[in-house]
């Protein structure tokens, strides 16, 4: 039994260190022609502010305070300072970051899109692989929200 557990642990560690748990970057990231982020996957490992009200994956958007360009720059800085974060794309109305877990190398894709009213930033956070995320994506967005509110 110990030998089986050891083999399983070594296999999992090797898989993680080879980056095989990171998955591929989705090809549907960004804002579409209607100003919407990609739909959330059916698995419960994602949250988004464009999910229908009452959906378990729904989360409130971020509310802009002050100048939108300054807000988005501050948002990108807050995200970049978080553990495992890498800001991949940033402009005045969109921020895309990848979050990689330190232990297993799982990657989550996180997007922020300024809406045309310049007062709301829609969010989408989704794990690339797996089924459950144990609220990691929701907790991350709420931590970002708290950091942005504290920065005001």
C-alpha atoms as a PDB file:
ATOM      1  CA  UNK A   1       0.000   0.000   0.000  1.00  0.00           C
ATOM      2  CA  UNK A   2       2.817   2.421   0.865  1.00  0.00           C
ATOM      3  CA  UNK A   3       4.503   1.601  -2.440  1.00  0.00           C
ATOM      4  CA  UNK A   4       1.313   2.399  -4.372  1.00  0.00           C
ATOM      5  CA  UNK A   5       0.946   5.728  -2.574  1.00  0.00           C
ATOM      6  CA  UNK A   6       4.582   6.567  -3.239  1.00  0.00           C
ATOM      7  CA  UNK A   7       4.243   5.766  -6.946  1.00  0.00           C
ATOM      8  CA  UNK A   8       1.052   7.851  -7.144  1.00  0.00           C
ATOM      9  CA  UNK A   9       2.729  10.781  -5.391  1.00  0.00           C
ATOM     10  CA  UNK A  10       5.804  10.631  -7.635  1.00  0.00           C
ATOM     11  CA  UNK A  11       3.611  10.429 -10.739  1.00  0.00           C
ATOM     12  CA  UNK A  12       1.508  13.397  -9.644  1.00  0.00           C
ATOM     13  CA  UNK A  13       4.593  15.437  -8.742  1.00  0.00           C
ATOM     14  CA  UNK A  14       6.227  14.663 -12.083  1.00  0.00           C
ATOM     15  CA  UNK A  15       3.051  15.582 -13.943  1.00  0.00           C
ATOM     16  CA  UNK A  16       2.766  18.865 -12.062  1.00  0.00           C
ATOM     17  CA  UNK A  17       6.427  19.790 -12.521  1.00  0.00           C
ATOM     18  CA  UNK A  18       6.169  19.087 -16.252  1.00  0.00           C
ATOM     19  CA  UNK A  19       3.367  21.649 -16.462  1.00  0.00           C
ATOM     20  CA  UNK A  20       0.822  19.082 -17.562  1.00  0.00           C
ATOM     21  CA  UNK A  21      -1.711  20.365 -15.030  1.00  0.00           C
ATOM     22  CA  UNK A  22      -1.675  23.886 -16.437  1.00  0.00           C
ATOM     23  CA  UNK A  23      -3.823  23.193 -19.496  1.00  0.00           C
ATOM     24  CA  UNK A  24      -3.814  25.313 -22.635  1.00  0.00           C
ATOM     25  CA  UNK A  25      -4.718  28.981 -22.752  1.00  0.00           C
ATOM     26  CA  UNK A  26      -8.345  29.247 -23.896  1.00  0.00           C
ATOM     27  CA  UNK A  27      -8.891  30.664 -27.364  1.00  0.00           C
ATOM     28  CA  UNK A  28     -12.077  32.527 -26.420  1.00  0.00           C
ATOM     29  CA  UNK A  29     -10.585  35.111 -24.068  1.00  0.00           C
ATOM     30  CA  UNK A  30     -11.281  38.798 -24.454  1.00  0.00           C
ATOM     31  CA  UNK A  31     -14.361  40.870 -25.120  1.00  0.00           C
ATOM     32  CA  UNK A  32     -16.613  39.899 -28.024  1.00  0.00           C
ATOM     33  CA  UNK A  33     -18.416  42.283 -30.405  1.00  0.00           C
ATOM     34  CA  UNK A  34     -21.329  42.586 -27.968  1.00  0.00           C
ATOM     35  CA  UNK A  35     -18.993  43.670 -25.157  1.00  0.00           C
ATOM     36  CA  UNK A  36     -19.255  40.361 -23.326  1.00  0.00           C
ATOM     37  CA  UNK A  37     -16.656  38.028 -21.897  1.00  0.00           C
ATOM     38  CA  UNK A  38     -16.760  34.340 -22.838  1.00  0.00           C
ATOM     39  CA  UNK A  39     -19.551  32.256 -21.320  1.00  0.00           C
ATOM     40  CA  UNK A  40     -18.645  30.333 -18.186  1.00  0.00           C
ATOM     41  CA  UNK A  41     -18.008  26.598 -18.477  1.00  0.00           C
ATOM     42  CA  UNK A  42     -20.636  24.188 -17.194  1.00  0.00           C
ATOM     43  CA  UNK A  43     -18.286  22.896 -14.479  1.00  0.00           C
ATOM     44  CA  UNK A  44     -18.465  24.751 -11.132  1.00  0.00           C
ATOM     45  CA  UNK A  45     -14.852  25.985 -11.296  1.00  0.00           C
ATOM     46  CA  UNK A  46     -15.621  29.501 -12.497  1.00  0.00           C
ATOM     47  CA  UNK A  47     -17.323  32.753 -11.548  1.00  0.00           C
ATOM     48  CA  UNK A  48     -18.393  35.712 -13.631  1.00  0.00           C
ATOM     49  CA  UNK A  49     -20.328  38.934 -13.292  1.00  0.00           C
ATOM     50  CA  UNK A  50     -22.140  38.308 -16.579  1.00  0.00           C
ATOM     51  CA  UNK A  51     -23.632  35.032 -15.318  1.00  0.00           C
ATOM     52  CA  UNK A  52     -27.411  35.148 -14.915  1.00  0.00           C
ATOM     53  CA  UNK A  53     -28.680  36.465 -11.582  1.00  0.00           C
ATOM     54  CA  UNK A  54     -29.247  33.563  -9.212  1.00  0.00           C
ATOM     55  CA  UNK A  55     -26.651  31.355 -10.927  1.00  0.00           C
ATOM     56  CA  UNK A  56     -24.231  29.860  -8.377  1.00  0.00           C
ATOM     57  CA  UNK A  57     -21.366  31.126 -10.545  1.00  0.00           C
ATOM     58  CA  UNK A  58     -22.588  34.734 -10.522  1.00  0.00           C
ATOM     59  CA  UNK A  59     -20.467  37.346  -8.777  1.00  0.00           C
ATOM     60  CA  UNK A  60     -20.830  41.125  -8.588  1.00  0.00           C
ATOM     61  CA  UNK A  61     -18.815  43.252 -11.021  1.00  0.00           C
ATOM     62  CA  UNK A  62     -16.213  45.691  -9.746  1.00  0.00           C
ATOM     63  CA  UNK A  63     -17.462  49.257  -9.502  1.00  0.00           C
ATOM     64  CA  UNK A  64     -15.148  51.932 -10.874  1.00  0.00           C
ATOM     65  CA  UNK A  65     -14.121  54.799  -8.659  1.00  0.00           C
ATOM     66  CA  UNK A  66     -12.399  57.786 -10.237  1.00  0.00           C
ATOM     67  CA  UNK A  67     -10.831  57.883 -13.692  1.00  0.00           C
ATOM     68  CA  UNK A  68     -11.278  54.642 -15.648  1.00  0.00           C
ATOM     69  CA  UNK A  69      -7.697  54.569 -16.966  1.00  0.00           C
ATOM     70  CA  UNK A  70      -6.279  55.055 -13.490  1.00  0.00           C
ATOM     71  CA  UNK A  71      -8.673  52.447 -12.103  1.00  0.00           C
ATOM     72  CA  UNK A  72      -7.652  49.818 -14.668  1.00  0.00           C
ATOM     73  CA  UNK A  73      -3.942  50.542 -14.125  1.00  0.00           C
ATOM     74  CA  UNK A  74      -4.415  50.180 -10.369  1.00  0.00           C
ATOM     75  CA  UNK A  75      -6.391  46.961 -10.943  1.00  0.00           C
ATOM     76  CA  UNK A  76      -3.542  45.519 -13.025  1.00  0.00           C
ATOM     77  CA  UNK A  77      -1.052  46.472 -10.294  1.00  0.00           C
ATOM     78  CA  UNK A  78      -3.184  44.859  -7.565  1.00  0.00           C
ATOM     79  CA  UNK A  79      -3.470  41.676  -9.630  1.00  0.00           C
ATOM     80  CA  UNK A  80       0.261  41.616 -10.444  1.00  0.00           C
ATOM     81  CA  UNK A  81       1.105  41.781  -6.728  1.00  0.00           C
ATOM     82  CA  UNK A  82      -0.933  38.675  -5.912  1.00  0.00           C
ATOM     83  CA  UNK A  83       0.804  35.305  -5.423  1.00  0.00           C
ATOM     84  CA  UNK A  84       1.096  33.298  -8.629  1.00  0.00           C
ATOM     85  CA  UNK A  85      -0.223  36.109 -10.838  1.00  0.00           C
ATOM     86  CA  UNK A  86       1.099  37.143 -14.209  1.00  0.00           C
ATOM     87  CA  UNK A  87      -0.618  39.971 -16.081  1.00  0.00           C
ATOM     88  CA  UNK A  88      -0.619  38.836 -19.710  1.00  0.00           C
ATOM     89  CA  UNK A  89      -2.581  41.655 -21.333  1.00  0.00           C
ATOM     90  CA  UNK A  90      -3.483  45.139 -20.149  1.00  0.00           C
ATOM     91  CA  UNK A  91      -5.003  48.214 -21.738  1.00  0.00           C
ATOM     92  CA  UNK A  92      -7.373  50.994 -20.645  1.00  0.00           C
ATOM     93  CA  UNK A  93     -10.439  48.759 -20.747  1.00  0.00           C
ATOM     94  CA  UNK A  94      -9.221  45.159 -20.321  1.00  0.00           C
ATOM     95  CA  UNK A  95      -6.893  43.168 -18.057  1.00  0.00           C
ATOM     96  CA  UNK A  96      -6.127  39.479 -18.490  1.00  0.00           C
ATOM     97  CA  UNK A  97      -4.036  37.539 -15.979  1.00  0.00           C
ATOM     98  CA  UNK A  98      -3.047  33.957 -15.342  1.00  0.00           C
ATOM     99  CA  UNK A  99      -2.821  32.664 -11.790  1.00  0.00           C
ATOM    100  CA  UNK A 100      -0.652  29.583 -11.231  1.00  0.00           C
ATOM    101  CA  UNK A 101      -0.812  27.617  -7.988  1.00  0.00           C
ATOM    102  CA  UNK A 102       2.562  27.054  -6.366  1.00  0.00           C
ATOM    103  CA  UNK A 103       2.013  23.456  -5.340  1.00  0.00           C
ATOM    104  CA  UNK A 104       0.470  21.773  -8.375  1.00  0.00           C
ATOM    105  CA  UNK A 105       0.852  24.339 -11.149  1.00  0.00           C
ATOM    106  CA  UNK A 106      -2.882  24.640 -11.890  1.00  0.00           C
ATOM    107  CA  UNK A 107      -3.676  27.734 -13.966  1.00  0.00           C
ATOM    108  CA  UNK A 108      -6.750  29.954 -13.700  1.00  0.00           C
ATOM    109  CA  UNK A 109      -7.610  32.581 -16.316  1.00  0.00           C
ATOM    110  CA  UNK A 110      -8.909  35.870 -14.913  1.00  0.00           C
ATOM    111  CA  UNK A 111     -10.347  38.694 -17.012  1.00  0.00           C
ATOM    112  CA  UNK A 112     -11.573  42.191 -16.235  1.00  0.00           C
ATOM    113  CA  UNK A 113     -13.482  44.193 -18.864  1.00  0.00           C
ATOM    114  CA  UNK A 114     -14.531  47.830 -18.496  1.00  0.00           C
ATOM    115  CA  UNK A 115     -18.072  48.265 -19.748  1.00  0.00           C
ATOM    116  CA  UNK A 116     -19.212  51.127 -21.963  1.00  0.00           C
ATOM    117  CA  UNK A 117     -20.777  52.978 -19.025  1.00  0.00           C
ATOM    118  CA  UNK A 118     -17.227  53.350 -17.576  1.00  0.00           C
ATOM    119  CA  UNK A 119     -18.618  52.573 -14.121  1.00  0.00           C
ATOM    120  CA  UNK A 120     -18.573  48.786 -14.106  1.00  0.00           C
ATOM    121  CA  UNK A 121     -15.808  46.246 -14.689  1.00  0.00           C
ATOM    122  CA  UNK A 122     -17.124  42.801 -15.500  1.00  0.00           C
ATOM    123  CA  UNK A 123     -15.062  39.892 -14.203  1.00  0.00           C
ATOM    124  CA  UNK A 124     -14.552  36.297 -15.282  1.00  0.00           C
ATOM    125  CA  UNK A 125     -12.344  33.812 -13.441  1.00  0.00           C
ATOM    126  CA  UNK A 126     -12.118  30.180 -14.513  1.00  0.00           C
ATOM    127  CA  UNK A 127      -9.869  27.205 -13.846  1.00  0.00           C
ATOM    128  CA  UNK A 128      -8.435  25.601 -16.970  1.00  0.00           C
ATOM    129  CA  UNK A 129      -8.713  22.026 -15.778  1.00  0.00           C
ATOM    130  CA  UNK A 130     -10.464  20.089 -13.067  1.00  0.00           C
ATOM    131  CA  UNK A 131     -14.049  20.222 -11.966  1.00  0.00           C
ATOM    132  CA  UNK A 132     -14.269  21.839  -8.520  1.00  0.00           C
ATOM    133  CA  UNK A 133     -12.149  24.787  -7.477  1.00  0.00           C
ATOM    134  CA  UNK A 134     -13.310  24.893  -3.832  1.00  0.00           C
ATOM    135  CA  UNK A 135     -14.250  28.576  -4.341  1.00  0.00           C
ATOM    136  CA  UNK A 136     -10.690  29.601  -5.262  1.00  0.00           C
ATOM    137  CA  UNK A 137     -11.908  31.763  -8.159  1.00  0.00           C
ATOM    138  CA  UNK A 138     -14.636  33.450  -6.085  1.00  0.00           C
ATOM    139  CA  UNK A 139     -12.234  34.051  -3.189  1.00  0.00           C
ATOM    140  CA  UNK A 140      -9.650  35.547  -5.563  1.00  0.00           C
ATOM    141  CA  UNK A 141     -12.131  38.005  -7.091  1.00  0.00           C
ATOM    142  CA  UNK A 142     -13.353  39.032  -3.635  1.00  0.00           C
ATOM    143  CA  UNK A 143      -9.734  39.563  -2.501  1.00  0.00           C
ATOM    144  CA  UNK A 144      -9.142  41.770  -5.548  1.00  0.00           C
ATOM    145  CA  UNK A 145     -12.362  43.685  -4.813  1.00  0.00           C
ATOM    146  CA  UNK A 146     -11.237  44.262  -1.203  1.00  0.00           C
ATOM    147  CA  UNK A 147      -7.783  45.410  -2.317  1.00  0.00           C
ATOM    148  CA  UNK A 148      -9.292  47.846  -4.821  1.00  0.00           C
ATOM    149  CA  UNK A 149     -11.649  49.270  -2.187  1.00  0.00           C
ATOM    150  CA  UNK A 150      -8.762  49.637   0.264  1.00  0.00           C
ATOM    151  CA  UNK A 151      -6.734  51.494  -2.375  1.00  0.00           C
ATOM    152  CA  UNK A 152      -9.332  54.296  -2.509  1.00  0.00           C
END
